[in-house]
């Protein structure tokens, strides 16, 4: 249970307010998902397009490097 002590003025009366149960602890869950998209067949002699996408699937914000 969480409580808060309220004192409206210095050296005055105070009271204690109940804030309710404590929130559940934060559990860090990092995660990344990689998806790729390429044509089913390519020739090594001609250019082809490949798309790689990285998605943050966890509950931690990503940090930029560099």
PDB file of N, CA and C in Angstrom:
ATOM      1  N   UNK A   1       0.840  -1.167   0.000  1.00  0.00           N
ATOM      2  CA  UNK A   1       0.000   0.000   0.000  1.00  0.00           C
ATOM      3  C   UNK A   1       0.892   1.239   0.000  1.00  0.00           C
ATOM      4  N   UNK A   2       0.465   2.289  -0.701  1.00  0.00           N
ATOM      5  CA  UNK A   2       1.232   3.535  -0.763  1.00  0.00           C
ATOM      6  C   UNK A   2       0.443   4.631  -0.055  1.00  0.00           C
ATOM      7  N   UNK A   3       1.185   5.521   0.595  1.00  0.00           N
ATOM      8  CA  UNK A   3       0.576   6.625   1.340  1.00  0.00           C
ATOM      9  C   UNK A   3       1.299   7.919   1.001  1.00  0.00           C
ATOM     10  N   UNK A   4       0.619   9.054   1.221  1.00  0.00           N
ATOM     11  CA  UNK A   4       1.216  10.365   1.035  1.00  0.00           C
ATOM     12  C   UNK A   4       0.870  11.215   2.255  1.00  0.00           C
ATOM     13  N   UNK A   5       1.863  11.928   2.799  1.00  0.00           N
ATOM     14  CA  UNK A   5       1.649  12.827   3.934  1.00  0.00           C
ATOM     15  C   UNK A   5       1.489  14.239   3.386  1.00  0.00           C
ATOM     16  N   UNK A   6       0.399  14.927   3.767  1.00  0.00           N
ATOM     17  CA  UNK A   6       0.097  16.273   3.277  1.00  0.00           C
ATOM     18  C   UNK A   6       0.224  17.245   4.438  1.00  0.00           C
ATOM     19  N   UNK A   7       1.049  18.287   4.261  1.00  0.00           N
ATOM     20  CA  UNK A   7       1.159  19.392   5.235  1.00  0.00           C
ATOM     21  C   UNK A   7       0.902  20.676   4.468  1.00  0.00           C
ATOM     22  N   UNK A   8      -0.284  21.304   4.645  1.00  0.00           N
ATOM     23  CA  UNK A   8      -0.614  22.494   3.858  1.00  0.00           C
ATOM     24  C   UNK A   8       0.312  23.678   4.136  1.00  0.00           C
ATOM     25  N   UNK A   9       0.762  23.847   5.356  1.00  0.00           N
ATOM     26  CA  UNK A   9       1.669  24.946   5.722  1.00  0.00           C
ATOM     27  C   UNK A   9       2.731  24.384   6.646  1.00  0.00           C
ATOM     28  N   UNK A  10       3.841  25.084   6.732  1.00  0.00           N
ATOM     29  CA  UNK A  10       4.884  24.669   7.673  1.00  0.00           C
ATOM     30  C   UNK A  10       4.344  24.775   9.099  1.00  0.00           C
ATOM     31  N   UNK A  11       4.678  23.837   9.937  1.00  0.00           N
ATOM     32  CA  UNK A  11       4.276  23.794  11.350  1.00  0.00           C
ATOM     33  C   UNK A  11       2.746  23.746  11.516  1.00  0.00           C
ATOM     34  N   UNK A  12       2.044  23.117  10.597  1.00  0.00           N
ATOM     35  CA  UNK A  12       0.585  23.013  10.715  1.00  0.00           C
ATOM     36  C   UNK A  12       0.201  21.540  10.869  1.00  0.00           C
ATOM     37  N   UNK A  13      -1.081  21.305  10.978  1.00  0.00           N
ATOM     38  CA  UNK A  13      -1.565  19.930  11.061  1.00  0.00           C
ATOM     39  C   UNK A  13      -1.262  19.207   9.757  1.00  0.00           C
ATOM     40  N   UNK A  14      -1.266  17.902   9.809  1.00  0.00           N
ATOM     41  CA  UNK A  14      -1.011  17.103   8.616  1.00  0.00           C
ATOM     42  C   UNK A  14      -2.004  15.959   8.584  1.00  0.00           C
ATOM     43  N   UNK A  15      -2.115  15.348   7.426  1.00  0.00           N
ATOM     44  CA  UNK A  15      -2.927  14.144   7.294  1.00  0.00           C
ATOM     45  C   UNK A  15      -2.259  13.193   6.317  1.00  0.00           C
ATOM     46  N   UNK A  16      -2.671  11.948   6.387  1.00  0.00           N
ATOM     47  CA  UNK A  16      -2.097  10.898   5.553  1.00  0.00           C
ATOM     48  C   UNK A  16      -3.180  10.428   4.583  1.00  0.00           C
ATOM     49  N   UNK A  17      -2.853  10.445   3.296  1.00  0.00           N
ATOM     50  CA  UNK A  17      -3.785   9.984   2.276  1.00  0.00           C
ATOM     51  C   UNK A  17      -3.323   8.637   1.746  1.00  0.00           C
ATOM     52  N   UNK A  18      -4.266   7.753   1.562  1.00  0.00           N
ATOM     53  CA  UNK A  18      -3.950   6.438   1.004  1.00  0.00           C
ATOM     54  C   UNK A  18      -3.999   6.546  -0.511  1.00  0.00           C
ATOM     55  N   UNK A  19      -2.944   6.113  -1.191  1.00  0.00           N
ATOM     56  CA  UNK A  19      -2.861   6.193  -2.643  1.00  0.00           C
ATOM     57  C   UNK A  19      -3.233   4.887  -3.329  1.00  0.00           C
ATOM     58  N   UNK A  20      -3.433   3.843  -2.576  1.00  0.00           N
ATOM     59  CA  UNK A  20      -3.792   2.558  -3.168  1.00  0.00           C
ATOM     60  C   UNK A  20      -2.601   1.623  -3.239  1.00  0.00           C
ATOM     61  N   UNK A  21      -2.796   0.504  -3.860  1.00  0.00           N
ATOM     62  CA  UNK A  21      -1.704  -0.476  -3.933  1.00  0.00           C
ATOM     63  C   UNK A  21      -0.573   0.015  -4.828  1.00  0.00           C
ATOM     64  N   UNK A  22       0.605  -0.463  -4.564  1.00  0.00           N
ATOM     65  CA  UNK A  22       1.776  -0.100  -5.363  1.00  0.00           C
ATOM     66  C   UNK A  22       1.640  -0.713  -6.750  1.00  0.00           C
ATOM     67  N   UNK A  23       2.129  -0.006  -7.786  1.00  0.00           N
ATOM     68  CA  UNK A  23       2.053  -0.574  -9.136  1.00  0.00           C
ATOM     69  C   UNK A  23       2.959  -1.798  -9.246  1.00  0.00           C
ATOM     70  N   UNK A  24       2.655  -2.683 -10.180  1.00  0.00           N
ATOM     71  CA  UNK A  24       3.523  -3.852 -10.343  1.00  0.00           C
ATOM     72  C   UNK A  24       4.909  -3.407 -10.795  1.00  0.00           C
ATOM     73  N   UNK A  25       5.935  -4.159 -10.451  1.00  0.00           N
ATOM     74  CA  UNK A  25       7.293  -3.750 -10.837  1.00  0.00           C
ATOM     75  C   UNK A  25       7.455  -3.780 -12.351  1.00  0.00           C
ATOM     76  N   UNK A  26       8.267  -2.856 -12.856  1.00  0.00           N
ATOM     77  CA  UNK A  26       8.538  -2.776 -14.290  1.00  0.00           C
ATOM     78  C   UNK A  26       9.524  -3.870 -14.670  1.00  0.00           C
ATOM     79  N   UNK A  27       9.170  -4.635 -15.659  1.00  0.00           N
ATOM     80  CA  UNK A  27      10.054  -5.690 -16.146  1.00  0.00           C
ATOM     81  C   UNK A  27      10.499  -5.309 -17.549  1.00  0.00           C
ATOM     82  N   UNK A  28      11.788  -5.098 -17.693  1.00  0.00           N
ATOM     83  CA  UNK A  28      12.329  -4.729 -18.993  1.00  0.00           C
ATOM     84  C   UNK A  28      12.278  -5.940 -19.914  1.00  0.00           C
ATOM     85  N   UNK A  29      11.712  -5.721 -21.099  1.00  0.00           N
ATOM     86  CA  UNK A  29      11.608  -6.806 -22.068  1.00  0.00           C
ATOM     87  C   UNK A  29      12.137  -6.299 -23.411  1.00  0.00           C
ATOM     88  N   UNK A  30      13.452  -6.395 -23.623  1.00  0.00           N
ATOM     89  CA  UNK A  30      13.990  -5.938 -24.898  1.00  0.00           C
ATOM     90  C   UNK A  30      13.621  -6.910 -26.013  1.00  0.00           C
ATOM     91  N   UNK A  31      13.508  -6.394 -27.203  1.00  0.00           N
ATOM     92  CA  UNK A  31      13.215  -7.274 -28.330  1.00  0.00           C
ATOM     93  C   UNK A  31      13.278  -6.530 -29.645  1.00  0.00           C
ATOM     94  N   UNK A  32      13.806  -7.180 -30.647  1.00  0.00           N
ATOM     95  CA  UNK A  32      13.862  -6.634 -31.995  1.00  0.00           C
ATOM     96  C   UNK A  32      13.316  -7.683 -32.954  1.00  0.00           C
ATOM     97  N   UNK A  33      12.633  -7.221 -33.988  1.00  0.00           N
ATOM     98  CA  UNK A  33      12.127  -8.115 -35.021  1.00  0.00           C
ATOM     99  C   UNK A  33      12.700  -7.656 -36.361  1.00  0.00           C
ATOM    100  N   UNK A  34      13.206  -8.587 -37.125  1.00  0.00           N
ATOM    101  CA  UNK A  34      13.785  -8.298 -38.428  1.00  0.00           C
ATOM    102  C   UNK A  34      12.907  -8.935 -39.494  1.00  0.00           C
ATOM    103  N   UNK A  35      12.458  -8.136 -40.450  1.00  0.00           N
ATOM    104  CA  UNK A  35      11.691  -8.661 -41.582  1.00  0.00           C
ATOM    105  C   UNK A  35      12.444  -8.321 -42.858  1.00  0.00           C
ATOM    106  N   UNK A  36      12.423  -9.237 -43.792  1.00  0.00           N
ATOM    107  CA  UNK A  36      13.125  -9.017 -45.053  1.00  0.00           C
ATOM    108  C   UNK A  36      12.171  -9.278 -46.215  1.00  0.00           C
ATOM    109  N   UNK A  37      12.386  -8.555 -47.281  1.00  0.00           N
ATOM    110  CA  UNK A  37      11.578  -8.696 -48.477  1.00  0.00           C
ATOM    111  C   UNK A  37      12.514  -8.696 -49.680  1.00  0.00           C
ATOM    112  N   UNK A  38      12.488  -9.795 -50.448  1.00  0.00           N
ATOM    113  CA  UNK A  38      13.332  -9.925 -51.632  1.00  0.00           C
ATOM    114  C   UNK A  38      12.539 -10.657 -52.702  1.00  0.00           C
ATOM    115  N   UNK A  39      12.911 -10.459 -53.963  1.00  0.00           N
ATOM    116  CA  UNK A  39      12.250 -11.222 -55.020  1.00  0.00           C
ATOM    117  C   UNK A  39      12.578 -12.706 -54.871  1.00  0.00           C
ATOM    118  N   UNK A  40      11.685 -13.593 -55.314  1.00  0.00           N
ATOM    119  CA  UNK A  40      11.948 -15.032 -55.159  1.00  0.00           C
ATOM    120  C   UNK A  40      13.156 -15.516 -55.947  1.00  0.00           C
ATOM    121  N   UNK A  41      13.421 -14.919 -57.115  1.00  0.00           N
ATOM    122  CA  UNK A  41      14.582 -15.308 -57.917  1.00  0.00           C
ATOM    123  C   UNK A  41      15.295 -14.052 -58.400  1.00  0.00           C
ATOM    124  N   UNK A  42      16.621 -14.059 -58.336  1.00  0.00           N
ATOM    125  CA  UNK A  42      17.418 -12.927 -58.811  1.00  0.00           C
ATOM    126  C   UNK A  42      18.586 -13.438 -59.622  1.00  0.00           C
ATOM    127  N   UNK A  43      19.109 -12.572 -60.453  1.00  0.00           N
ATOM    128  CA  UNK A  43      20.314 -12.870 -61.212  1.00  0.00           C
ATOM    129  C   UNK A  43      21.452 -12.080 -60.582  1.00  0.00           C
ATOM    130  N   UNK A  44      22.569 -12.704 -60.395  1.00  0.00           N
ATOM    131  CA  UNK A  44      23.704 -12.016 -59.791  1.00  0.00           C
ATOM    132  C   UNK A  44      24.314 -10.979 -60.720  1.00  0.00           C
ATOM    133  N   UNK A  45      23.968 -11.038 -61.988  1.00  0.00           N
ATOM    134  CA  UNK A  45      24.525 -10.086 -62.944  1.00  0.00           C
ATOM    135  C   UNK A  45      23.721  -8.795 -63.029  1.00  0.00           C
ATOM    136  N   UNK A  46      22.505  -8.790 -62.561  1.00  0.00           N
ATOM    137  CA  UNK A  46      21.690  -7.573 -62.614  1.00  0.00           C
ATOM    138  C   UNK A  46      21.311  -7.137 -61.203  1.00  0.00           C
ATOM    139  N   UNK A  47      21.094  -5.839 -61.006  1.00  0.00           N
ATOM    140  CA  UNK A  47      20.755  -5.366 -59.653  1.00  0.00           C
ATOM    141  C   UNK A  47      19.366  -5.857 -59.219  1.00  0.00           C
ATOM    142  N   UNK A  48      19.216  -6.001 -57.931  1.00  0.00           N
ATOM    143  CA  UNK A  48      17.909  -6.382 -57.367  1.00  0.00           C
ATOM    144  C   UNK A  48      17.704  -5.603 -56.081  1.00  0.00           C
ATOM    145  N   UNK A  49      16.459  -5.552 -55.640  1.00  0.00           N
ATOM    146  CA  UNK A  49      16.109  -4.769 -54.457  1.00  0.00           C
ATOM    147  C   UNK A  49      15.814  -5.700 -53.283  1.00  0.00           C
ATOM    148  N   UNK A  50      16.416  -5.389 -52.154  1.00  0.00           N
ATOM    149  CA  UNK A  50      16.156  -6.128 -50.907  1.00  0.00           C
ATOM    150  C   UNK A  50      15.801  -5.096 -49.838  1.00  0.00           C
ATOM    151  N   UNK A  51      14.747  -5.360 -49.095  1.00  0.00           N
ATOM    152  CA  UNK A  51      14.298  -4.449 -48.044  1.00  0.00           C
ATOM    153  C   UNK A  51      14.425  -5.167 -46.706  1.00  0.00           C
ATOM    154  N   UNK A  52      15.171  -4.579 -45.774  1.00  0.00           N
ATOM    155  CA  UNK A  52      15.308  -5.102 -44.421  1.00  0.00           C
ATOM    156  C   UNK A  52      14.711  -4.078 -43.465  1.00  0.00           C
ATOM    157  N   UNK A  53      13.826  -4.514 -42.588  1.00  0.00           N
ATOM    158  CA  UNK A  53      13.188  -3.604 -41.628  1.00  0.00           C
ATOM    159  C   UNK A  53      13.398  -4.163 -40.222  1.00  0.00           C
ATOM    160  N   UNK A  54      13.862  -3.296 -39.327  1.00  0.00           N
ATOM    161  CA  UNK A  54      14.057  -3.672 -37.925  1.00  0.00           C
ATOM    162  C   UNK A  54      12.998  -2.937 -37.112  1.00  0.00           C
ATOM    163  N   UNK A  55      12.268  -3.688 -36.282  1.00  0.00           N
ATOM    164  CA  UNK A  55      11.196  -3.115 -35.470  1.00  0.00           C
ATOM    165  C   UNK A  55      11.469  -3.408 -34.002  1.00  0.00           C
ATOM    166  N   UNK A  56      11.218  -2.421 -33.145  1.00  0.00           N
ATOM    167  CA  UNK A  56      11.375  -2.600 -31.703  1.00  0.00           C
ATOM    168  C   UNK A  56      10.088  -3.251 -31.182  1.00  0.00           C
ATOM    169  N   UNK A  57      10.170  -4.507 -30.754  1.00  0.00           N
ATOM    170  CA  UNK A  57       8.996  -5.220 -30.249  1.00  0.00           C
ATOM    171  C   UNK A  57       8.982  -5.285 -28.730  1.00  0.00           C
ATOM    172  N   UNK A  58       9.986  -4.728 -28.076  1.00  0.00           N
ATOM    173  CA  UNK A  58      10.064  -4.760 -26.613  1.00  0.00           C
ATOM    174  C   UNK A  58       9.397  -3.549 -25.998  1.00  0.00           C
ATOM    175  N   UNK A  59       9.573  -3.390 -24.701  1.00  0.00           N
ATOM    176  CA  UNK A  59       8.991  -2.245 -24.001  1.00  0.00           C
ATOM    177  C   UNK A  59      10.064  -1.259 -23.534  1.00  0.00           C
ATOM    178  N   UNK A  60      11.237  -1.308 -24.161  1.00  0.00           N
ATOM    179  CA  UNK A  60      12.333  -0.397 -23.844  1.00  0.00           C
ATOM    180  C   UNK A  60      12.575   0.463 -25.079  1.00  0.00           C
ATOM    181  N   UNK A  61      12.650   1.797 -24.954  1.00  0.00           N
ATOM    182  CA  UNK A  61      12.911   2.628 -26.147  1.00  0.00           C
ATOM    183  C   UNK A  61      14.301   2.363 -26.690  1.00  0.00           C
ATOM    184  N   UNK A  62      14.412   2.462 -28.001  1.00  0.00           N
ATOM    185  CA  UNK A  62      15.712   2.224 -28.629  1.00  0.00           C
ATOM    186  C   UNK A  62      16.598   3.450 -28.431  1.00  0.00           C
ATOM    187  N   UNK A  63      17.899   3.219 -28.373  1.00  0.00           N
ATOM    188  CA  UNK A  63      18.877   4.300 -28.275  1.00  0.00           C
ATOM    189  C   UNK A  63      19.624   4.369 -29.586  1.00  0.00           C
ATOM    190  N   UNK A  64      19.837   5.576 -30.067  1.00  0.00           N
ATOM    191  CA  UNK A  64      20.587   5.740 -31.298  1.00  0.00           C
ATOM    192  C   UNK A  64      22.078   5.659 -31.009  1.00  0.00           C
ATOM    193  N   UNK A  65      22.784   4.998 -31.866  1.00  0.00           N
ATOM    194  CA  UNK A  65      24.247   4.893 -31.738  1.00  0.00           C
ATOM    195  C   UNK A  65      24.891   5.848 -32.738  1.00  0.00           C
ATOM    196  N   UNK A  66      25.991   6.404 -32.317  1.00  0.00           N
ATOM    197  CA  UNK A  66      26.756   7.235 -33.238  1.00  0.00           C
ATOM    198  C   UNK A  66      26.524   8.619 -33.078  1.00  0.00           C
TER     199      UNK A  66
END
